[in-house]
Amino acid sequence: METVKLVVHKRDQAGKGVARRLRRAGQLPAVVYGNGSTLAIALAEKDLAKIRQSEAGENTILDFTIEGDTPESCQAILREVQVDPVSRALLHADFYRVDMNKEIMVTVPLTFINEPHNLLQSANAMLTHLWREVEVACLPRDIPDEIAVDLAEFQPGATFKAGALVLPPGVTLVLDAEEVIVTAHVQSEAPAASSPGETEAS
């Protein structure tokens, strides 16, 4: 689990004009929600970019110091980022307040290792990844950066189901265990085409 300390500021005003002024100053409008409350904040755009580029990405635990008339602190994770569809500029962020002693559901990327490329190629099999991330439940401190899928023993024609994933201690699968993560479909040989000069024997 990766933890990042951030100082953010309470935001008393809302609206498009306020949001534009914040962005011109290198800040982004955001909200922190959860536990029955929602708090409007502003944070540095560079801090949000740093979170998204970190190893844990959106599953980074954020230790917020929220400055304002009545300063407070909390832990949160990034839930959603709004991005301009044309310029790709960051527009707004949603953070979810977490209790470090209560389980949450998060999406964790899968990393595929030891893919048997030579074996699959010789069997004319095609590897298809149906899932590249899975939803799991765990305490915030137990969120894994990734879950490895070891395909060293994977055979042509086989399927790898979610229930076969090796999860870290304290992490349970939310995705249905019968969901297929990877297949190695053996492709049938196409019939050889006749050459242009071939004719039937008389």
N, C-alpha and C. Protein backbone atom coordinates (compact mmCIF):
# COMPACT_ATOMS: atom_id res chain seq x y z
N MET A 1 0.84 -1.20 0.00
CA MET A 1 0.00 0.00 0.00
C MET A 1 0.87 1.24 0.00
N GLU A 2 0.55 2.17 -0.88
CA GLU A 2 1.28 3.42 -0.96
C GLU A 2 0.45 4.53 -0.31
N THR A 3 1.08 5.34 0.53
CA THR A 3 0.40 6.45 1.20
C THR A 3 1.06 7.76 0.82
N VAL A 4 0.24 8.75 0.49
CA VAL A 4 0.76 10.07 0.12
C VAL A 4 0.10 11.12 1.00
N LYS A 5 0.92 11.99 1.60
CA LYS A 5 0.39 13.09 2.41
C LYS A 5 0.15 14.29 1.50
N LEU A 6 -1.04 14.88 1.62
CA LEU A 6 -1.38 16.04 0.80
C LEU A 6 -2.07 17.11 1.65
N VAL A 7 -1.75 18.35 1.36
CA VAL A 7 -2.45 19.48 1.97
C VAL A 7 -3.42 20.04 0.94
N VAL A 8 -4.70 20.08 1.29
CA VAL A 8 -5.73 20.62 0.40
C VAL A 8 -6.48 21.71 1.16
N HIS A 9 -7.37 22.40 0.48
CA HIS A 9 -8.06 23.55 1.08
C HIS A 9 -9.56 23.42 0.92
N LYS A 10 -10.30 23.78 1.97
CA LYS A 10 -11.75 23.79 1.88
C LYS A 10 -12.17 24.85 0.86
N ARG A 11 -13.26 24.57 0.17
CA ARG A 11 -13.76 25.45 -0.87
C ARG A 11 -15.17 25.89 -0.50
N ASP A 12 -15.36 27.19 -0.29
CA ASP A 12 -16.67 27.71 0.12
C ASP A 12 -17.57 28.04 -1.06
N GLN A 13 -16.96 28.27 -2.22
CA GLN A 13 -17.74 28.67 -3.38
C GLN A 13 -17.70 27.59 -4.45
N ALA A 14 -18.74 27.57 -5.28
CA ALA A 14 -18.83 26.61 -6.37
C ALA A 14 -19.25 27.33 -7.64
N GLY A 15 -19.32 26.60 -8.73
CA GLY A 15 -19.72 27.19 -9.99
C GLY A 15 -18.59 27.18 -11.02
N LYS A 16 -18.98 27.38 -12.29
CA LYS A 16 -18.00 27.31 -13.38
C LYS A 16 -16.97 28.43 -13.28
N GLY A 17 -17.41 29.62 -12.85
CA GLY A 17 -16.47 30.74 -12.74
C GLY A 17 -15.40 30.46 -11.70
N VAL A 18 -15.80 29.91 -10.56
CA VAL A 18 -14.86 29.57 -9.50
C VAL A 18 -13.89 28.49 -9.98
N ALA A 19 -14.44 27.48 -10.68
CA ALA A 19 -13.61 26.39 -11.18
C ALA A 19 -12.57 26.91 -12.16
N ARG A 20 -12.96 27.84 -13.04
CA ARG A 20 -12.00 28.39 -14.00
C ARG A 20 -10.89 29.15 -13.31
N ARG A 21 -11.26 29.94 -12.27
CA ARG A 21 -10.24 30.70 -11.54
C ARG A 21 -9.26 29.75 -10.84
N LEU A 22 -9.78 28.68 -10.27
CA LEU A 22 -8.91 27.71 -9.61
C LEU A 22 -7.93 27.09 -10.60
N ARG A 23 -8.43 26.70 -11.78
CA ARG A 23 -7.56 26.05 -12.77
C ARG A 23 -6.49 27.01 -13.28
N ARG A 24 -6.85 28.30 -13.43
CA ARG A 24 -5.84 29.27 -13.87
C ARG A 24 -4.73 29.41 -12.83
N ALA A 25 -5.07 29.15 -11.57
CA ALA A 25 -4.09 29.24 -10.48
C ALA A 25 -3.38 27.91 -10.22
N GLY A 26 -3.61 26.92 -11.11
CA GLY A 26 -2.95 25.62 -10.93
C GLY A 26 -3.64 24.72 -9.92
N GLN A 27 -4.88 25.06 -9.56
CA GLN A 27 -5.66 24.28 -8.60
C GLN A 27 -6.83 23.59 -9.32
N LEU A 28 -7.35 22.55 -8.70
CA LEU A 28 -8.50 21.85 -9.26
C LEU A 28 -9.62 21.76 -8.22
N PRO A 29 -10.88 21.95 -8.65
CA PRO A 29 -11.99 21.71 -7.73
C PRO A 29 -12.17 20.21 -7.52
N ALA A 30 -12.55 19.83 -6.31
CA ALA A 30 -12.73 18.42 -5.98
C ALA A 30 -13.69 18.30 -4.81
N VAL A 31 -14.13 17.08 -4.54
CA VAL A 31 -14.96 16.81 -3.36
C VAL A 31 -14.41 15.58 -2.65
N VAL A 32 -14.61 15.55 -1.35
CA VAL A 32 -14.33 14.37 -0.54
C VAL A 32 -15.67 13.93 0.03
N TYR A 33 -16.09 12.68 -0.27
CA TYR A 33 -17.39 12.22 0.21
C TYR A 33 -17.23 10.89 0.94
N GLY A 34 -18.27 10.52 1.65
CA GLY A 34 -18.25 9.28 2.43
C GLY A 34 -18.58 9.54 3.88
N ASN A 35 -19.02 8.50 4.57
CA ASN A 35 -19.43 8.62 5.97
C ASN A 35 -20.53 9.65 6.16
N GLY A 36 -21.40 9.78 5.16
CA GLY A 36 -22.56 10.64 5.28
C GLY A 36 -22.32 12.12 5.05
N SER A 37 -21.15 12.50 4.55
CA SER A 37 -20.91 13.93 4.33
C SER A 37 -20.12 14.12 3.04
N THR A 38 -20.23 15.34 2.50
CA THR A 38 -19.48 15.71 1.31
C THR A 38 -18.83 17.07 1.56
N LEU A 39 -17.54 17.15 1.27
CA LEU A 39 -16.78 18.38 1.53
C LEU A 39 -16.14 18.84 0.23
N ALA A 40 -16.39 20.12 -0.14
CA ALA A 40 -15.78 20.70 -1.33
C ALA A 40 -14.36 21.17 -1.00
N ILE A 41 -13.41 20.78 -1.83
CA ILE A 41 -12.01 21.15 -1.60
C ILE A 41 -11.37 21.62 -2.91
N ALA A 42 -10.16 22.14 -2.79
CA ALA A 42 -9.32 22.46 -3.94
C ALA A 42 -7.94 21.88 -3.66
N LEU A 43 -7.32 21.33 -4.69
CA LEU A 43 -5.97 20.79 -4.52
C LEU A 43 -5.14 21.16 -5.73
N ALA A 44 -3.82 21.09 -5.58
CA ALA A 44 -2.92 21.43 -6.68
C ALA A 44 -3.06 20.42 -7.80
N GLU A 45 -3.14 20.90 -9.03
CA GLU A 45 -3.26 20.01 -10.18
C GLU A 45 -2.07 19.06 -10.26
N LYS A 46 -0.87 19.55 -9.93
CA LYS A 46 0.32 18.70 -9.99
C LYS A 46 0.24 17.54 -8.98
N ASP A 47 -0.46 17.77 -7.86
CA ASP A 47 -0.61 16.70 -6.87
C ASP A 47 -1.51 15.59 -7.40
N LEU A 48 -2.58 15.98 -8.09
CA LEU A 48 -3.48 14.98 -8.65
C LEU A 48 -2.76 14.19 -9.75
N ALA A 49 -1.98 14.88 -10.58
CA ALA A 49 -1.23 14.19 -11.63
C ALA A 49 -0.23 13.22 -11.02
N LYS A 50 0.37 13.60 -9.89
CA LYS A 50 1.35 12.73 -9.22
C LYS A 50 0.66 11.46 -8.70
N ILE A 51 -0.55 11.60 -8.15
CA ILE A 51 -1.30 10.44 -7.65
C ILE A 51 -1.58 9.47 -8.79
N ARG A 52 -2.06 9.99 -9.92
CA ARG A 52 -2.44 9.13 -11.03
C ARG A 52 -1.25 8.42 -11.66
N GLN A 53 -0.07 9.01 -11.54
CA GLN A 53 1.12 8.42 -12.13
C GLN A 53 1.88 7.52 -11.16
N SER A 54 1.43 7.47 -9.90
CA SER A 54 2.12 6.66 -8.91
C SER A 54 1.89 5.18 -9.17
N GLU A 55 2.66 4.33 -8.53
CA GLU A 55 2.56 2.89 -8.76
C GLU A 55 1.18 2.36 -8.38
N ALA A 56 0.62 2.87 -7.30
CA ALA A 56 -0.69 2.40 -6.85
C ALA A 56 -1.83 3.10 -7.59
N GLY A 57 -1.54 4.20 -8.25
CA GLY A 57 -2.56 4.91 -9.02
C GLY A 57 -3.73 5.36 -8.16
N GLU A 58 -4.94 5.05 -8.63
CA GLU A 58 -6.14 5.50 -7.92
C GLU A 58 -6.33 4.79 -6.59
N ASN A 59 -5.57 3.73 -6.34
CA ASN A 59 -5.68 3.04 -5.06
C ASN A 59 -4.69 3.56 -4.02
N THR A 60 -4.01 4.63 -4.32
CA THR A 60 -3.12 5.26 -3.34
C THR A 60 -3.93 5.78 -2.16
N ILE A 61 -3.50 5.47 -0.95
CA ILE A 61 -4.16 6.02 0.23
C ILE A 61 -3.65 7.44 0.45
N LEU A 62 -4.56 8.38 0.50
CA LEU A 62 -4.22 9.80 0.64
C LEU A 62 -4.47 10.24 2.07
N ASP A 63 -3.45 10.76 2.68
CA ASP A 63 -3.55 11.29 4.05
C ASP A 63 -3.73 12.80 3.92
N PHE A 64 -4.99 13.24 3.94
CA PHE A 64 -5.33 14.64 3.69
C PHE A 64 -5.21 15.49 4.96
N THR A 65 -4.57 16.62 4.82
CA THR A 65 -4.72 17.71 5.78
C THR A 65 -5.55 18.77 5.09
N ILE A 66 -6.76 19.00 5.61
CA ILE A 66 -7.71 19.92 4.96
C ILE A 66 -7.70 21.25 5.70
N GLU A 67 -7.12 22.24 5.07
CA GLU A 67 -7.00 23.55 5.71
C GLU A 67 -8.25 24.38 5.48
N GLY A 68 -8.59 25.22 6.47
CA GLY A 68 -9.76 26.08 6.41
C GLY A 68 -10.02 26.68 7.77
N ASP A 69 -11.22 27.24 7.99
CA ASP A 69 -11.56 27.83 9.28
C ASP A 69 -11.46 26.79 10.40
N THR A 70 -11.89 25.58 10.10
CA THR A 70 -11.76 24.48 11.08
C THR A 70 -11.00 23.34 10.40
N PRO A 71 -9.67 23.35 10.48
CA PRO A 71 -8.85 22.33 9.81
C PRO A 71 -9.22 20.93 10.28
N GLU A 72 -9.09 19.97 9.39
CA GLU A 72 -9.34 18.57 9.74
C GLU A 72 -8.43 17.68 8.91
N SER A 73 -8.45 16.41 9.23
CA SER A 73 -7.65 15.46 8.47
C SER A 73 -8.48 14.20 8.23
N CYS A 74 -8.13 13.47 7.18
CA CYS A 74 -8.82 12.22 6.89
C CYS A 74 -7.99 11.42 5.90
N GLN A 75 -8.35 10.15 5.75
CA GLN A 75 -7.75 9.32 4.72
C GLN A 75 -8.78 9.11 3.61
N ALA A 76 -8.30 9.07 2.38
CA ALA A 76 -9.22 8.93 1.24
C ALA A 76 -8.49 8.26 0.09
N ILE A 77 -9.28 7.80 -0.88
CA ILE A 77 -8.71 7.32 -2.14
C ILE A 77 -9.41 8.04 -3.29
N LEU A 78 -8.74 8.11 -4.42
CA LEU A 78 -9.29 8.75 -5.60
C LEU A 78 -10.33 7.83 -6.24
N ARG A 79 -11.53 8.35 -6.49
CA ARG A 79 -12.59 7.54 -7.08
C ARG A 79 -12.85 7.89 -8.54
N GLU A 80 -12.78 9.16 -8.90
CA GLU A 80 -13.11 9.55 -10.27
C GLU A 80 -12.42 10.86 -10.62
N VAL A 81 -12.00 10.96 -11.87
CA VAL A 81 -11.42 12.19 -12.39
C VAL A 81 -12.16 12.57 -13.67
N GLN A 82 -12.61 13.80 -13.74
CA GLN A 82 -13.24 14.29 -14.97
C GLN A 82 -12.16 14.96 -15.82
N VAL A 83 -12.12 14.56 -17.10
CA VAL A 83 -11.10 15.05 -18.02
C VAL A 83 -11.79 15.66 -19.22
N ASP A 84 -11.28 16.80 -19.69
CA ASP A 84 -11.83 17.43 -20.88
C ASP A 84 -11.63 16.49 -22.08
N PRO A 85 -12.71 16.15 -22.81
CA PRO A 85 -12.58 15.16 -23.90
C PRO A 85 -11.72 15.64 -25.07
N VAL A 86 -11.55 16.94 -25.20
CA VAL A 86 -10.76 17.48 -26.32
C VAL A 86 -9.34 17.79 -25.90
N SER A 87 -9.18 18.63 -24.88
CA SER A 87 -7.84 19.05 -24.46
C SER A 87 -7.16 18.06 -23.54
N ARG A 88 -7.94 17.13 -22.95
CA ARG A 88 -7.46 16.14 -21.95
C ARG A 88 -7.01 16.82 -20.66
N ALA A 89 -7.40 18.07 -20.47
CA ALA A 89 -7.06 18.77 -19.22
C ALA A 89 -7.90 18.20 -18.08
N LEU A 90 -7.31 18.16 -16.87
CA LEU A 90 -8.02 17.69 -15.69
C LEU A 90 -9.03 18.75 -15.27
N LEU A 91 -10.27 18.32 -14.97
CA LEU A 91 -11.33 19.28 -14.64
C LEU A 91 -11.79 19.18 -13.19
N HIS A 92 -11.92 17.97 -12.65
CA HIS A 92 -12.52 17.79 -11.33
C HIS A 92 -12.16 16.40 -10.82
N ALA A 93 -12.13 16.26 -9.51
CA ALA A 93 -11.81 14.96 -8.92
C ALA A 93 -12.74 14.64 -7.76
N ASP A 94 -13.08 13.36 -7.62
CA ASP A 94 -13.87 12.87 -6.49
C ASP A 94 -13.00 11.95 -5.64
N PHE A 95 -12.98 12.19 -4.34
CA PHE A 95 -12.24 11.36 -3.40
C PHE A 95 -13.22 10.72 -2.43
N TYR A 96 -12.93 9.46 -2.08
CA TYR A 96 -13.80 8.73 -1.15
C TYR A 96 -13.10 8.58 0.19
N ARG A 97 -13.76 9.06 1.23
CA ARG A 97 -13.21 8.99 2.59
C ARG A 97 -13.22 7.54 3.07
N VAL A 98 -12.09 7.06 3.60
CA VAL A 98 -12.02 5.67 4.04
C VAL A 98 -11.72 5.59 5.53
N ASP A 99 -12.19 4.50 6.11
CA ASP A 99 -11.86 4.15 7.49
C ASP A 99 -10.82 3.04 7.39
N MET A 100 -9.64 3.26 7.95
CA MET A 100 -8.55 2.31 7.80
C MET A 100 -8.86 0.96 8.45
N ASN A 101 -9.93 0.90 9.26
CA ASN A 101 -10.30 -0.36 9.92
C ASN A 101 -11.53 -1.02 9.30
N LYS A 102 -11.99 -0.51 8.14
CA LYS A 102 -13.15 -1.09 7.47
C LYS A 102 -12.79 -1.45 6.04
N GLU A 103 -13.30 -2.60 5.59
CA GLU A 103 -13.03 -3.05 4.24
C GLU A 103 -13.68 -2.12 3.20
N ILE A 104 -13.01 -1.99 2.08
CA ILE A 104 -13.57 -1.27 0.94
C ILE A 104 -13.38 -2.13 -0.30
N MET A 105 -14.14 -1.83 -1.34
CA MET A 105 -13.98 -2.53 -2.61
C MET A 105 -13.21 -1.63 -3.58
N VAL A 106 -12.19 -2.19 -4.18
CA VAL A 106 -11.35 -1.46 -5.13
C VAL A 106 -11.08 -2.33 -6.35
N THR A 107 -10.68 -1.69 -7.44
CA THR A 107 -10.30 -2.39 -8.65
C THR A 107 -8.78 -2.42 -8.75
N VAL A 108 -8.23 -3.60 -8.94
CA VAL A 108 -6.78 -3.78 -8.95
C VAL A 108 -6.36 -4.34 -10.31
N PRO A 109 -5.31 -3.79 -10.92
CA PRO A 109 -4.86 -4.30 -12.23
C PRO A 109 -4.23 -5.68 -12.12
N LEU A 110 -4.36 -6.44 -13.20
CA LEU A 110 -3.71 -7.75 -13.30
C LEU A 110 -2.42 -7.62 -14.10
N THR A 111 -1.39 -8.33 -13.66
CA THR A 111 -0.12 -8.37 -14.39
C THR A 111 0.11 -9.81 -14.84
N PHE A 112 0.25 -10.02 -16.14
CA PHE A 112 0.40 -11.36 -16.70
C PHE A 112 1.89 -11.67 -16.88
N ILE A 113 2.34 -12.77 -16.28
CA ILE A 113 3.75 -13.13 -16.33
C ILE A 113 3.92 -14.55 -16.87
N ASN A 114 5.12 -14.80 -17.40
CA ASN A 114 5.49 -16.14 -17.91
C ASN A 114 4.52 -16.65 -18.97
N GLU A 115 4.12 -15.78 -19.88
CA GLU A 115 3.23 -16.22 -20.95
C GLU A 115 4.00 -17.16 -21.89
N PRO A 116 3.47 -18.36 -22.13
CA PRO A 116 4.19 -19.37 -22.92
C PRO A 116 4.05 -19.14 -24.43
N HIS A 117 4.66 -18.07 -24.93
CA HIS A 117 4.45 -17.67 -26.32
C HIS A 117 4.85 -18.77 -27.31
N ASN A 118 6.01 -19.39 -27.10
CA ASN A 118 6.48 -20.41 -28.05
C ASN A 118 5.55 -21.62 -28.09
N LEU A 119 5.09 -22.06 -26.92
CA LEU A 119 4.18 -23.20 -26.85
C LEU A 119 2.87 -22.89 -27.57
N LEU A 120 2.34 -21.70 -27.33
CA LEU A 120 1.07 -21.32 -27.95
C LEU A 120 1.22 -21.19 -29.46
N GLN A 121 2.34 -20.61 -29.89
CA GLN A 121 2.56 -20.44 -31.32
C GLN A 121 2.66 -21.78 -32.04
N SER A 122 3.38 -22.74 -31.43
CA SER A 122 3.54 -24.05 -32.06
C SER A 122 2.21 -24.80 -32.13
N ALA A 123 1.29 -24.50 -31.22
CA ALA A 123 -0.03 -25.16 -31.22
C ALA A 123 -1.08 -24.35 -31.97
N ASN A 124 -0.64 -23.25 -32.61
CA ASN A 124 -1.56 -22.36 -33.33
C ASN A 124 -2.68 -21.87 -32.41
N ALA A 125 -2.28 -21.51 -31.18
CA ALA A 125 -3.24 -21.03 -30.18
C ALA A 125 -3.09 -19.52 -29.99
N MET A 126 -4.20 -18.86 -29.73
CA MET A 126 -4.20 -17.42 -29.54
C MET A 126 -4.60 -17.09 -28.10
N LEU A 127 -3.75 -16.34 -27.41
CA LEU A 127 -4.02 -15.94 -26.03
C LEU A 127 -4.93 -14.71 -26.03
N THR A 128 -6.03 -14.79 -25.30
CA THR A 128 -6.97 -13.67 -25.22
C THR A 128 -7.18 -13.28 -23.76
N HIS A 129 -6.93 -12.02 -23.45
CA HIS A 129 -7.13 -11.50 -22.10
C HIS A 129 -8.54 -10.90 -22.02
N LEU A 130 -9.41 -11.52 -21.25
CA LEU A 130 -10.78 -11.04 -21.12
C LEU A 130 -10.94 -10.04 -19.98
N TRP A 131 -10.07 -10.12 -18.98
CA TRP A 131 -10.07 -9.17 -17.87
C TRP A 131 -8.63 -8.69 -17.65
N ARG A 132 -8.46 -7.41 -17.46
CA ARG A 132 -7.13 -6.87 -17.15
C ARG A 132 -7.10 -6.21 -15.77
N GLU A 133 -8.24 -6.27 -15.08
CA GLU A 133 -8.33 -5.79 -13.70
C GLU A 133 -9.50 -6.51 -13.03
N VAL A 134 -9.44 -6.63 -11.73
CA VAL A 134 -10.51 -7.30 -11.00
C VAL A 134 -10.88 -6.48 -9.76
N GLU A 135 -12.12 -6.65 -9.31
CA GLU A 135 -12.57 -5.97 -8.10
C GLU A 135 -12.34 -6.88 -6.90
N VAL A 136 -11.75 -6.32 -5.85
CA VAL A 136 -11.48 -7.08 -4.63
C VAL A 136 -11.95 -6.26 -3.43
N ALA A 137 -12.03 -6.93 -2.28
CA ALA A 137 -12.38 -6.28 -1.02
C ALA A 137 -11.25 -6.51 -0.04
N CYS A 138 -10.90 -5.46 0.71
CA CYS A 138 -9.83 -5.57 1.70
C CYS A 138 -9.80 -4.30 2.54
N LEU A 139 -9.01 -4.31 3.60
CA LEU A 139 -8.76 -3.10 4.35
C LEU A 139 -7.91 -2.16 3.50
N PRO A 140 -8.07 -0.85 3.66
CA PRO A 140 -7.27 0.08 2.86
C PRO A 140 -5.77 -0.20 2.92
N ARG A 141 -5.27 -0.59 4.08
CA ARG A 141 -3.82 -0.83 4.20
C ARG A 141 -3.37 -2.08 3.44
N ASP A 142 -4.33 -2.95 3.04
CA ASP A 142 -3.97 -4.19 2.35
C ASP A 142 -4.17 -4.12 0.85
N ILE A 143 -4.50 -2.96 0.31
CA ILE A 143 -4.75 -2.86 -1.13
C ILE A 143 -3.47 -3.19 -1.90
N PRO A 144 -3.49 -4.21 -2.76
CA PRO A 144 -2.29 -4.53 -3.54
C PRO A 144 -2.16 -3.59 -4.74
N ASP A 145 -0.91 -3.32 -5.13
CA ASP A 145 -0.68 -2.49 -6.32
C ASP A 145 -1.13 -3.24 -7.57
N GLU A 146 -0.97 -4.58 -7.56
CA GLU A 146 -1.33 -5.41 -8.70
C GLU A 146 -1.50 -6.85 -8.23
N ILE A 147 -2.09 -7.66 -9.07
CA ILE A 147 -2.22 -9.10 -8.80
C ILE A 147 -1.60 -9.83 -9.98
N ALA A 148 -0.63 -10.69 -9.71
CA ALA A 148 0.06 -11.41 -10.78
C ALA A 148 -0.74 -12.62 -11.24
N VAL A 149 -0.76 -12.84 -12.54
CA VAL A 149 -1.37 -14.02 -13.14
C VAL A 149 -0.24 -14.81 -13.79
N ASP A 150 0.17 -15.91 -13.17
CA ASP A 150 1.30 -16.70 -13.65
C ASP A 150 0.80 -17.74 -14.67
N LEU A 151 1.24 -17.58 -15.93
CA LEU A 151 0.77 -18.46 -17.00
C LEU A 151 1.83 -19.47 -17.42
N ALA A 152 2.82 -19.71 -16.56
CA ALA A 152 3.92 -20.61 -16.91
C ALA A 152 3.42 -22.00 -17.29
N GLU A 153 2.36 -22.49 -16.62
CA GLU A 153 1.84 -23.83 -16.88
C GLU A 153 0.61 -23.82 -17.79
N PHE A 154 0.34 -22.68 -18.40
CA PHE A 154 -0.88 -22.54 -19.19
C PHE A 154 -0.74 -23.29 -20.52
N GLN A 155 -1.72 -24.13 -20.82
CA GLN A 155 -1.66 -24.98 -22.01
C GLN A 155 -2.62 -24.50 -23.09
N PRO A 156 -2.30 -24.76 -24.36
CA PRO A 156 -3.23 -24.44 -25.45
C PRO A 156 -4.59 -25.07 -25.21
N GLY A 157 -5.65 -24.33 -25.43
CA GLY A 157 -7.01 -24.81 -25.22
C GLY A 157 -7.51 -24.61 -23.80
N ALA A 158 -6.66 -24.11 -22.90
CA ALA A 158 -7.04 -23.96 -21.49
C ALA A 158 -7.72 -22.61 -21.25
N THR A 159 -8.36 -22.51 -20.08
CA THR A 159 -8.91 -21.24 -19.61
C THR A 159 -8.41 -21.00 -18.19
N PHE A 160 -8.24 -19.74 -17.86
CA PHE A 160 -7.82 -19.36 -16.49
C PHE A 160 -8.96 -18.55 -15.89
N LYS A 161 -9.55 -19.08 -14.80
CA LYS A 161 -10.70 -18.42 -14.19
C LYS A 161 -10.28 -17.57 -13.00
N ALA A 162 -11.14 -16.62 -12.64
CA ALA A 162 -10.84 -15.69 -11.55
C ALA A 162 -10.58 -16.41 -10.24
N GLY A 163 -11.25 -17.53 -10.02
CA GLY A 163 -11.07 -18.27 -8.78
C GLY A 163 -9.68 -18.85 -8.61
N ALA A 164 -8.90 -18.91 -9.71
CA ALA A 164 -7.53 -19.44 -9.63
C ALA A 164 -6.51 -18.36 -9.29
N LEU A 165 -6.94 -17.12 -9.17
CA LEU A 165 -6.01 -16.04 -8.84
C LEU A 165 -5.44 -16.25 -7.44
N VAL A 166 -4.16 -16.01 -7.29
CA VAL A 166 -3.51 -16.08 -5.98
C VAL A 166 -3.54 -14.67 -5.39
N LEU A 167 -4.36 -14.49 -4.35
CA LEU A 167 -4.57 -13.18 -3.76
C LEU A 167 -3.69 -12.99 -2.53
N PRO A 168 -3.24 -11.77 -2.27
CA PRO A 168 -2.45 -11.51 -1.06
C PRO A 168 -3.29 -11.72 0.19
N PRO A 169 -2.65 -11.93 1.35
CA PRO A 169 -3.40 -12.08 2.60
C PRO A 169 -4.31 -10.88 2.86
N GLY A 170 -5.53 -11.17 3.33
CA GLY A 170 -6.46 -10.09 3.66
C GLY A 170 -7.26 -9.57 2.49
N VAL A 171 -7.04 -10.13 1.28
CA VAL A 171 -7.73 -9.66 0.07
C VAL A 171 -8.67 -10.76 -0.41
N THR A 172 -9.94 -10.42 -0.65
CA THR A 172 -10.90 -11.38 -1.16
C THR A 172 -11.45 -10.91 -2.50
N LEU A 173 -11.82 -11.88 -3.34
CA LEU A 173 -12.30 -11.58 -4.68
C LEU A 173 -13.77 -11.18 -4.66
N VAL A 174 -14.10 -10.10 -5.36
CA VAL A 174 -15.50 -9.68 -5.52
C VAL A 174 -16.04 -10.21 -6.85
N LEU A 175 -15.21 -10.21 -7.88
CA LEU A 175 -15.59 -10.75 -9.17
C LEU A 175 -15.97 -12.23 -9.03
N ASP A 176 -16.97 -12.67 -9.77
CA ASP A 176 -17.40 -14.07 -9.76
C ASP A 176 -16.21 -14.98 -10.07
N ALA A 177 -16.01 -15.99 -9.23
CA ALA A 177 -14.88 -16.90 -9.39
C ALA A 177 -14.90 -17.66 -10.71
N GLU A 178 -16.07 -17.78 -11.35
CA GLU A 178 -16.19 -18.52 -12.60
C GLU A 178 -15.89 -17.65 -13.82
N GLU A 179 -15.69 -16.36 -13.61
CA GLU A 179 -15.36 -15.49 -14.75
C GLU A 179 -14.01 -15.89 -15.34
N VAL A 180 -13.96 -16.00 -16.66
CA VAL A 180 -12.72 -16.40 -17.34
C VAL A 180 -11.83 -15.17 -17.53
N ILE A 181 -10.60 -15.28 -17.04
CA ILE A 181 -9.64 -14.18 -17.14
C ILE A 181 -8.86 -14.24 -18.45
N VAL A 182 -8.38 -15.44 -18.81
CA VAL A 182 -7.56 -15.64 -20.01
C VAL A 182 -7.98 -16.94 -20.68
N THR A 183 -7.97 -16.95 -22.00
CA THR A 183 -8.17 -18.18 -22.75
C THR A 183 -7.00 -18.37 -23.71
N ALA A 184 -6.74 -19.62 -24.07
CA ALA A 184 -5.74 -19.94 -25.09
C ALA A 184 -6.45 -20.77 -26.16
N HIS A 185 -7.17 -20.09 -27.02
CA HIS A 185 -8.01 -20.76 -28.02
C HIS A 185 -7.16 -21.30 -29.16
N VAL A 186 -7.31 -22.59 -29.44
CA VAL A 186 -6.59 -23.21 -30.55
C VAL A 186 -7.36 -22.96 -31.84
N GLN A 187 -6.71 -22.29 -32.77
CA GLN A 187 -7.36 -21.95 -34.03
C GLN A 187 -7.27 -23.12 -35.01
N SER A 188 -8.38 -23.37 -35.67
CA SER A 188 -8.39 -24.47 -36.65
C SER A 188 -7.61 -24.04 -37.89
N GLU A 189 -6.94 -25.01 -38.49
CA GLU A 189 -6.17 -24.73 -39.70
C GLU A 189 -7.11 -24.44 -40.85
N ALA A 190 -6.85 -23.37 -41.57
CA ALA A 190 -7.66 -23.05 -42.75
C ALA A 190 -7.27 -23.98 -43.88
N PRO A 191 -8.24 -24.43 -44.68
CA PRO A 191 -7.90 -25.31 -45.81
C PRO A 191 -6.99 -24.61 -46.80
N ALA A 192 -6.01 -25.33 -47.32
CA ALA A 192 -5.06 -24.73 -48.26
C ALA A 192 -5.79 -24.35 -49.54
N ALA A 193 -5.51 -23.17 -50.05
CA ALA A 193 -6.13 -22.70 -51.28
C ALA A 193 -5.44 -23.32 -52.48
N SER A 194 -6.18 -23.62 -53.55
CA SER A 194 -5.60 -24.17 -54.76
C SER A 194 -4.79 -23.11 -55.45
N SER A 195 -3.66 -23.50 -55.99
CA SER A 195 -2.85 -22.54 -56.73
C SER A 195 -3.50 -22.24 -58.06
N PRO A 196 -3.25 -21.05 -58.61
CA PRO A 196 -3.94 -20.65 -59.87
C PRO A 196 -3.73 -21.63 -61.01
N GLY A 197 -2.56 -22.33 -61.03
CA GLY A 197 -2.27 -23.20 -62.18
C GLY A 197 -2.77 -24.60 -62.02
N GLU A 198 -3.37 -24.91 -60.82
CA GLU A 198 -3.82 -26.29 -60.59
C GLU A 198 -5.10 -26.59 -61.38
N THR A 199 -5.14 -27.74 -62.03
CA THR A 199 -6.36 -28.19 -62.70
C THR A 199 -6.60 -29.64 -62.36
N GLU A 200 -7.83 -30.09 -62.49
CA GLU A 200 -8.14 -31.48 -62.20
C GLU A 200 -7.54 -32.39 -63.26
N ALA A 201 -7.07 -33.55 -62.84
CA ALA A 201 -6.52 -34.50 -63.80
C ALA A 201 -7.61 -35.05 -64.68
N SER A 202 -7.36 -35.17 -65.96
CA SER A 202 -8.39 -35.68 -66.89
C SER A 202 -8.44 -37.20 -66.83
